[in-house]
N, C-alpha and C. Protein backbone atom coordinates (compact mmCIF):
# COMPACT_ATOMS: atom_id res chain seq x y z
N MET A 1 33.26 -8.63 -1.53
CA MET A 1 33.74 -9.83 -0.88
C MET A 1 33.34 -11.02 -1.73
N SER A 2 34.26 -11.85 -2.07
CA SER A 2 33.92 -13.07 -2.81
C SER A 2 33.60 -14.17 -1.81
N THR A 3 32.57 -14.94 -2.15
CA THR A 3 32.13 -16.01 -1.26
C THR A 3 32.89 -17.28 -1.59
N PRO A 4 33.41 -17.97 -0.58
CA PRO A 4 34.12 -19.22 -0.85
C PRO A 4 33.21 -20.22 -1.56
N VAL A 5 33.77 -21.07 -2.39
CA VAL A 5 33.01 -22.02 -3.20
C VAL A 5 32.14 -22.94 -2.34
N GLU A 6 32.58 -23.28 -1.13
CA GLU A 6 31.82 -24.22 -0.31
C GLU A 6 30.54 -23.62 0.28
N TYR A 7 30.30 -22.33 0.06
CA TYR A 7 29.10 -21.68 0.55
C TYR A 7 28.17 -21.33 -0.60
N ALA A 8 26.87 -21.49 -0.36
CA ALA A 8 25.89 -21.08 -1.37
C ALA A 8 25.80 -19.56 -1.38
N GLU A 9 25.35 -19.01 -2.51
CA GLU A 9 25.20 -17.56 -2.61
C GLU A 9 23.97 -17.06 -1.87
N GLY A 10 23.01 -17.95 -1.66
CA GLY A 10 21.83 -17.50 -0.93
C GLY A 10 20.66 -18.45 -1.03
N ILE A 11 19.56 -18.02 -0.42
CA ILE A 11 18.30 -18.76 -0.41
C ILE A 11 17.22 -17.78 -0.85
N ARG A 12 16.38 -18.22 -1.80
CA ARG A 12 15.31 -17.35 -2.31
C ARG A 12 14.00 -18.11 -2.39
N GLY A 13 12.92 -17.36 -2.26
CA GLY A 13 11.60 -17.97 -2.37
C GLY A 13 10.51 -16.92 -2.48
N VAL A 14 9.28 -17.39 -2.52
CA VAL A 14 8.10 -16.53 -2.64
C VAL A 14 7.14 -16.92 -1.53
N VAL A 15 6.53 -15.91 -0.90
CA VAL A 15 5.54 -16.16 0.14
C VAL A 15 4.19 -15.67 -0.37
N TRP A 16 3.18 -16.55 -0.24
CA TRP A 16 1.84 -16.26 -0.74
C TRP A 16 0.85 -16.24 0.41
N ASP A 17 0.08 -15.15 0.50
CA ASP A 17 -0.96 -15.01 1.52
C ASP A 17 -2.21 -15.70 0.99
N THR A 18 -2.53 -16.88 1.53
CA THR A 18 -3.67 -17.64 1.01
C THR A 18 -5.01 -17.01 1.36
N ASP A 19 -5.08 -16.26 2.47
CA ASP A 19 -6.34 -15.59 2.83
C ASP A 19 -6.70 -14.51 1.82
N ALA A 20 -5.72 -13.72 1.41
CA ALA A 20 -5.96 -12.63 0.47
C ALA A 20 -5.74 -13.06 -0.98
N ASP A 21 -5.14 -14.23 -1.19
CA ASP A 21 -4.78 -14.74 -2.51
C ASP A 21 -3.90 -13.73 -3.26
N THR A 22 -2.89 -13.22 -2.53
CA THR A 22 -1.94 -12.26 -3.09
C THR A 22 -0.55 -12.54 -2.51
N PRO A 23 0.49 -11.93 -3.10
CA PRO A 23 1.82 -12.05 -2.49
C PRO A 23 1.78 -11.48 -1.07
N ALA A 24 2.51 -12.09 -0.16
CA ALA A 24 2.51 -11.69 1.25
C ALA A 24 3.50 -10.57 1.51
N SER A 25 3.31 -9.46 0.85
CA SER A 25 4.19 -8.30 0.98
C SER A 25 4.33 -7.89 2.44
N GLY A 26 5.58 -7.72 2.89
CA GLY A 26 5.85 -7.27 4.25
C GLY A 26 5.94 -8.37 5.28
N ALA A 27 5.62 -9.61 4.92
CA ALA A 27 5.73 -10.71 5.87
C ALA A 27 7.18 -10.85 6.33
N SER A 28 7.36 -11.34 7.53
CA SER A 28 8.69 -11.56 8.09
C SER A 28 9.14 -12.99 7.79
N VAL A 29 10.40 -13.15 7.39
CA VAL A 29 10.97 -14.48 7.14
C VAL A 29 12.28 -14.58 7.91
N ARG A 30 12.39 -15.64 8.73
CA ARG A 30 13.61 -15.89 9.51
C ARG A 30 14.31 -17.12 8.98
N LEU A 31 15.62 -17.06 8.93
CA LEU A 31 16.46 -18.20 8.57
C LEU A 31 17.07 -18.73 9.86
N GLU A 32 16.79 -20.01 10.16
CA GLU A 32 17.26 -20.60 11.42
C GLU A 32 18.11 -21.83 11.16
N LEU A 33 19.06 -22.04 12.06
CA LEU A 33 19.91 -23.23 12.04
C LEU A 33 20.06 -23.70 13.48
N ALA A 34 19.66 -24.93 13.73
CA ALA A 34 19.76 -25.53 15.07
C ALA A 34 19.14 -24.65 16.14
N GLY A 35 17.96 -24.07 15.83
CA GLY A 35 17.24 -23.25 16.80
C GLY A 35 17.75 -21.83 16.96
N ARG A 36 18.76 -21.47 16.20
CA ARG A 36 19.35 -20.12 16.28
C ARG A 36 18.96 -19.31 15.06
N VAL A 37 18.51 -18.08 15.25
CA VAL A 37 18.15 -17.20 14.13
C VAL A 37 19.44 -16.64 13.53
N LEU A 38 19.66 -16.95 12.24
CA LEU A 38 20.85 -16.45 11.54
C LEU A 38 20.60 -15.12 10.87
N ALA A 39 19.37 -14.94 10.36
CA ALA A 39 19.04 -13.71 9.64
C ALA A 39 17.54 -13.57 9.56
N GLU A 40 17.08 -12.35 9.34
CA GLU A 40 15.66 -12.09 9.17
C GLU A 40 15.50 -11.06 8.05
N THR A 41 14.45 -11.21 7.27
CA THR A 41 14.19 -10.28 6.18
C THR A 41 12.69 -10.09 6.03
N ARG A 42 12.30 -9.19 5.15
CA ARG A 42 10.90 -8.94 4.84
C ARG A 42 10.64 -9.31 3.38
N VAL A 43 9.42 -9.72 3.14
CA VAL A 43 8.99 -10.08 1.79
C VAL A 43 8.72 -8.79 1.01
N ASP A 44 9.19 -8.72 -0.24
CA ASP A 44 8.98 -7.51 -1.06
C ASP A 44 7.55 -7.49 -1.63
N PRO A 45 7.16 -6.42 -2.33
CA PRO A 45 5.80 -6.31 -2.85
C PRO A 45 5.38 -7.45 -3.80
N ASP A 46 6.34 -8.12 -4.41
CA ASP A 46 6.03 -9.24 -5.30
C ASP A 46 5.97 -10.57 -4.55
N GLY A 47 6.18 -10.55 -3.23
CA GLY A 47 6.16 -11.77 -2.44
C GLY A 47 7.50 -12.46 -2.33
N VAL A 48 8.56 -11.85 -2.85
CA VAL A 48 9.88 -12.48 -2.91
C VAL A 48 10.71 -12.13 -1.67
N PHE A 49 11.42 -13.14 -1.16
CA PHE A 49 12.40 -12.90 -0.10
C PHE A 49 13.73 -13.51 -0.53
N THR A 50 14.81 -12.95 0.00
CA THR A 50 16.16 -13.42 -0.34
C THR A 50 17.06 -13.32 0.89
N PHE A 51 17.80 -14.38 1.12
CA PHE A 51 18.92 -14.35 2.06
C PHE A 51 20.16 -14.57 1.22
N GLU A 52 21.04 -13.58 1.17
CA GLU A 52 22.25 -13.69 0.37
C GLU A 52 23.47 -13.76 1.27
N SER A 53 24.43 -14.59 0.88
CA SER A 53 25.69 -14.66 1.62
C SER A 53 26.42 -13.33 1.48
N ALA A 54 26.60 -12.68 2.60
CA ALA A 54 27.30 -11.39 2.62
C ALA A 54 27.63 -11.06 4.07
N GLY A 55 28.68 -10.33 4.26
CA GLY A 55 29.04 -9.93 5.62
C GLY A 55 29.18 -11.12 6.54
N GLN A 56 28.38 -11.14 7.60
CA GLN A 56 28.44 -12.21 8.60
C GLN A 56 27.60 -13.44 8.22
N LEU A 57 26.75 -13.32 7.19
CA LEU A 57 25.89 -14.44 6.81
C LEU A 57 26.55 -15.28 5.72
N LEU A 58 26.96 -16.48 6.09
CA LEU A 58 27.49 -17.44 5.12
C LEU A 58 26.56 -18.64 5.14
N VAL A 59 26.01 -18.98 3.99
CA VAL A 59 25.06 -20.08 3.91
C VAL A 59 25.83 -21.36 3.55
N ALA A 60 26.24 -22.07 4.59
CA ALA A 60 26.99 -23.31 4.40
C ALA A 60 26.02 -24.43 4.06
N PRO A 61 26.50 -25.48 3.41
CA PRO A 61 25.63 -26.63 3.13
C PRO A 61 25.07 -27.18 4.45
N GLY A 62 23.81 -27.57 4.41
CA GLY A 62 23.19 -28.13 5.60
C GLY A 62 21.70 -27.96 5.60
N ALA A 63 21.08 -28.30 6.73
CA ALA A 63 19.63 -28.24 6.89
C ALA A 63 19.25 -26.99 7.68
N TYR A 64 18.44 -26.16 7.08
CA TYR A 64 17.97 -24.91 7.69
C TYR A 64 16.46 -24.96 7.84
N ARG A 65 15.94 -23.96 8.56
CA ARG A 65 14.51 -23.78 8.70
C ARG A 65 14.16 -22.36 8.32
N LEU A 66 13.10 -22.20 7.53
CA LEU A 66 12.56 -20.88 7.24
C LEU A 66 11.26 -20.75 8.04
N VAL A 67 11.12 -19.66 8.77
CA VAL A 67 9.91 -19.40 9.53
C VAL A 67 9.30 -18.11 9.00
N VAL A 68 8.07 -18.22 8.50
CA VAL A 68 7.37 -17.08 7.91
C VAL A 68 6.24 -16.67 8.85
N ASP A 69 6.21 -15.38 9.20
CA ASP A 69 5.13 -14.84 10.03
C ASP A 69 4.38 -13.78 9.25
N ILE A 70 3.06 -13.93 9.21
CA ILE A 70 2.20 -12.92 8.60
C ILE A 70 0.97 -12.79 9.49
N GLY A 71 0.88 -11.68 10.18
CA GLY A 71 -0.20 -11.52 11.15
C GLY A 71 -0.11 -12.57 12.23
N ASP A 72 -1.22 -13.28 12.46
CA ASP A 72 -1.23 -14.32 13.49
C ASP A 72 -0.98 -15.71 12.90
N ARG A 73 -0.56 -15.78 11.65
CA ARG A 73 -0.29 -17.05 10.99
C ARG A 73 1.20 -17.26 10.81
N GLN A 74 1.60 -18.54 10.78
CA GLN A 74 3.01 -18.86 10.63
C GLN A 74 3.15 -20.12 9.75
N ALA A 75 4.19 -20.14 8.97
CA ALA A 75 4.54 -21.33 8.19
C ALA A 75 6.00 -21.64 8.43
N VAL A 76 6.33 -22.92 8.50
CA VAL A 76 7.71 -23.35 8.69
C VAL A 76 8.06 -24.28 7.55
N ARG A 77 9.22 -24.05 6.95
CA ARG A 77 9.67 -24.88 5.83
C ARG A 77 11.10 -25.31 6.06
N ALA A 78 11.37 -26.59 5.95
CA ALA A 78 12.75 -27.10 6.01
C ALA A 78 13.41 -26.84 4.66
N VAL A 79 14.67 -26.44 4.70
CA VAL A 79 15.42 -26.15 3.48
C VAL A 79 16.78 -26.83 3.56
N ALA A 80 17.10 -27.60 2.54
CA ALA A 80 18.42 -28.23 2.45
C ALA A 80 19.27 -27.44 1.48
N VAL A 81 20.39 -26.95 1.95
CA VAL A 81 21.31 -26.19 1.10
C VAL A 81 22.42 -27.12 0.64
N ASP A 82 22.64 -27.14 -0.66
CA ASP A 82 23.65 -27.99 -1.30
C ASP A 82 24.68 -27.07 -1.95
N ALA A 83 25.94 -27.26 -1.65
CA ALA A 83 26.99 -26.39 -2.19
C ALA A 83 27.09 -26.46 -3.71
N SER A 84 26.54 -27.50 -4.33
CA SER A 84 26.63 -27.61 -5.78
C SER A 84 25.67 -26.65 -6.48
N GLU A 85 24.70 -26.12 -5.76
CA GLU A 85 23.76 -25.15 -6.33
C GLU A 85 24.12 -23.76 -5.81
N PRO A 86 24.34 -22.78 -6.71
CA PRO A 86 24.73 -21.46 -6.23
C PRO A 86 23.65 -20.78 -5.39
N VAL A 87 22.38 -20.99 -5.74
CA VAL A 87 21.28 -20.40 -5.00
C VAL A 87 20.26 -21.49 -4.72
N THR A 88 19.79 -21.57 -3.49
CA THR A 88 18.76 -22.54 -3.13
C THR A 88 17.41 -21.89 -3.31
N LEU A 89 16.60 -22.42 -4.22
CA LEU A 89 15.27 -21.90 -4.47
C LEU A 89 14.26 -22.75 -3.71
N VAL A 90 13.45 -22.12 -2.87
CA VAL A 90 12.52 -22.89 -2.05
C VAL A 90 11.11 -22.89 -2.63
N GLY A 91 10.89 -22.19 -3.72
CA GLY A 91 9.57 -22.17 -4.32
C GLY A 91 8.61 -21.31 -3.53
N ARG A 92 7.33 -21.65 -3.62
CA ARG A 92 6.27 -20.85 -3.00
C ARG A 92 5.91 -21.42 -1.64
N ILE A 93 5.90 -20.54 -0.64
CA ILE A 93 5.48 -20.89 0.71
C ILE A 93 4.12 -20.24 0.92
N GLU A 94 3.11 -21.05 1.19
CA GLU A 94 1.78 -20.51 1.41
C GLU A 94 1.52 -20.38 2.90
N VAL A 95 1.02 -19.20 3.28
CA VAL A 95 0.73 -18.91 4.68
C VAL A 95 -0.73 -18.54 4.80
């Protein structure tokens, strides 16, 4: 499936466990828009997570929220998606 030009290809980032000082492998990451969960994924062994436009998930330009859960800790990061960038990189999220 080809993604229309007005949609980004995805959102990517890294989650870091500050208590262990290691990548937060297995942490849960939710992508939310206006209080609604659009998608959820898990962090890989390197701490990387990805939400890619595919199937029912289309990442339109706008303001999103990433919610990261690791154990009893949580981090929330606002993310602005711009259609001019194919992938939105959010950098490192420390939890």
